[in-house]
Amino acid sequence: MTIQEALDTVDEMKPNMMTRKLKLKFLTEIEDLIHGEIVLKHVHPPEQDEKPYYSEDSDPGTVLLVPDPYSMVYVYWLMTKIDMQNQEDARWNIDRSHFENAYDTMSDWWTRNHMPFQAIREFRI
């Protein structure tokens, strides 16, 4: 999923008045969370070492860290942020539940498919 696909999907699923700039801020927030909690704790390509950051200057075709079919985690995250902005607590609870399920599923997939860094033990002789 690209930045633009995530933004288009959330706008289609949950029409809103949130600015593109704020959506990109929240997209950066979830990418940073995924990067710190999951990617950096597993063996990964060197190009994923850098912390993701998105702004209005970012290429809309930039591919996000999480591939399909797990990329709905981005959409659900943005939906919870829209619910918070609109003060829709009941909808926030539902969307948060969807987000947590998508995040857990994605995290489980990542762990199954990427070797975790192993703790190094040193023995003194």
Protein backbone atom coordinates (compact mmCIF):
# COMPACT_ATOMS: atom_id res chain seq x y z
CA MET A 1 0.00 0.00 0.00
CA THR A 2 1.26 3.45 -0.86
CA ILE A 3 0.72 6.69 1.04
CA GLN A 4 -1.90 7.78 -1.50
CA GLU A 5 -3.72 4.44 -1.41
CA ALA A 6 -3.95 4.61 2.40
CA LEU A 7 -5.32 8.15 2.30
CA ASP A 8 -7.77 7.38 -0.52
CA THR A 9 -9.03 4.23 1.22
CA VAL A 10 -9.67 5.96 4.53
CA ASP A 11 -11.44 8.85 2.77
CA GLU A 12 -13.65 6.41 0.90
CA MET A 13 -14.45 4.30 3.96
CA LYS A 14 -14.93 7.20 6.37
CA PRO A 15 -15.62 10.57 4.73
CA ASN A 16 -14.01 13.25 6.87
CA MET A 17 -12.80 16.83 7.12
CA MET A 18 -9.29 16.00 8.40
CA THR A 19 -6.54 17.75 6.46
CA ARG A 20 -4.07 15.81 4.35
CA LYS A 21 -1.26 17.26 6.46
CA LEU A 22 -2.76 15.84 9.66
CA LYS A 23 -3.42 12.45 8.03
CA LEU A 24 0.22 12.31 6.96
CA LYS A 25 1.26 13.16 10.53
CA PHE A 26 -0.82 10.24 11.82
CA LEU A 27 0.51 7.96 9.06
CA THR A 28 4.04 8.86 10.18
CA GLU A 29 2.98 8.09 13.77
CA ILE A 30 1.83 4.54 12.98
CA GLU A 31 4.82 3.87 10.71
CA ASP A 32 7.11 5.01 13.53
CA LEU A 33 5.30 2.67 15.94
CA ILE A 34 5.61 -0.29 13.55
CA HIS A 35 9.22 0.59 12.81
CA GLY A 36 10.22 0.78 16.47
CA GLU A 37 8.14 -2.07 17.90
CA ILE A 38 8.46 -4.58 15.09
CA VAL A 39 10.91 -3.83 12.27
CA LEU A 40 13.92 -2.87 14.38
CA LYS A 41 13.49 -5.97 16.57
CA HIS A 42 13.86 -8.30 13.58
CA VAL A 43 16.45 -8.84 10.89
CA HIS A 44 15.58 -6.38 8.13
CA PRO A 45 17.08 -4.84 5.01
CA PRO A 46 19.38 -1.85 5.58
CA GLU A 47 16.97 0.49 3.79
CA GLN A 48 14.47 -0.06 6.64
CA ASP A 49 16.91 1.27 9.26
CA GLU A 50 15.81 4.84 8.70
CA LYS A 51 12.83 6.10 10.67
CA PRO A 52 9.90 6.85 8.31
CA TYR A 53 8.64 10.42 8.03
CA TYR A 54 5.90 11.69 5.73
CA SER A 55 4.95 15.27 4.91
CA GLU A 56 3.14 17.06 2.12
CA ASP A 57 6.42 16.95 0.18
CA SER A 58 6.57 13.14 0.35
CA ASP A 59 6.00 11.17 -2.83
CA PRO A 60 2.39 9.86 -2.69
CA GLY A 61 3.64 6.67 -4.38
CA THR A 62 5.93 5.83 -1.45
CA VAL A 63 5.32 2.23 -0.38
CA LEU A 64 4.58 1.83 3.34
CA LEU A 65 6.37 -0.75 5.52
CA VAL A 66 3.51 -3.23 5.89
CA PRO A 67 2.52 -5.12 2.71
CA ASP A 68 -0.94 -6.27 1.68
CA PRO A 69 -3.02 -7.97 3.00
CA TYR A 70 -1.89 -6.57 6.36
CA SER A 71 -1.80 -2.93 5.27
CA MET A 72 -5.33 -2.20 6.48
CA VAL A 73 -3.60 -1.46 9.79
CA TYR A 74 -2.92 2.03 8.35
CA VAL A 75 -6.53 2.62 7.39
CA TYR A 76 -7.89 1.53 10.76
CA TRP A 77 -5.33 3.72 12.54
CA LEU A 78 -6.41 6.75 10.53
CA MET A 79 -10.06 5.91 11.17
CA THR A 80 -9.48 5.94 14.94
CA LYS A 81 -7.80 9.34 14.63
CA ILE A 82 -10.78 10.68 12.66
CA ASP A 83 -13.14 9.32 15.32
CA MET A 84 -11.11 11.05 18.03
CA GLN A 85 -11.20 14.35 16.16
CA ASN A 86 -14.97 14.04 15.72
CA GLN A 87 -15.43 12.94 19.36
CA GLU A 88 -17.25 9.79 18.28
CA ASP A 89 -16.46 7.48 21.19
CA ALA A 90 -18.64 4.55 20.10
CA ARG A 91 -17.15 4.53 16.61
CA TRP A 92 -13.66 4.98 18.07
CA ASN A 93 -14.14 1.82 20.15
CA ILE A 94 -15.18 -0.17 17.09
CA ASP A 95 -12.40 1.17 14.88
CA ARG A 96 -9.84 0.73 17.66
CA SER A 97 -10.88 -2.90 17.96
CA HIS A 98 -10.40 -3.33 14.19
CA PHE A 99 -7.02 -1.61 14.41
CA GLU A 100 -5.80 -3.78 17.30
CA ASN A 101 -6.87 -6.95 15.48
CA ALA A 102 -5.13 -5.81 12.27
CA TYR A 103 -1.99 -4.78 14.20
CA ASP A 104 -1.80 -8.10 16.06
CA THR A 105 -2.33 -10.07 12.85
CA MET A 106 0.35 -8.03 11.07
CA SER A 107 2.74 -8.36 14.00
CA ASP A 108 2.25 -12.13 14.12
CA TRP A 109 2.88 -12.38 10.36
CA TRP A 110 6.01 -10.22 10.63
CA THR A 111 7.38 -12.37 13.45
CA ARG A 112 6.72 -15.58 11.50
CA ASN A 113 8.48 -14.24 8.40
CA HIS A 114 11.38 -12.23 9.83
CA MET A 115 14.02 -13.63 12.14
CA PRO A 116 14.09 -11.83 15.50
CA PHE A 117 17.44 -10.49 16.61
CA GLN A 118 19.00 -12.99 18.98
CA ALA A 119 20.41 -11.98 22.32
CA ILE A 120 24.16 -12.42 22.34
CA ARG A 121 25.56 -14.19 25.31
CA GLU A 122 29.18 -13.87 26.20
CA PHE A 123 31.04 -16.36 28.26
CA ARG A 124 34.22 -15.51 30.02
CA ILE A 125 36.73 -18.26 30.27
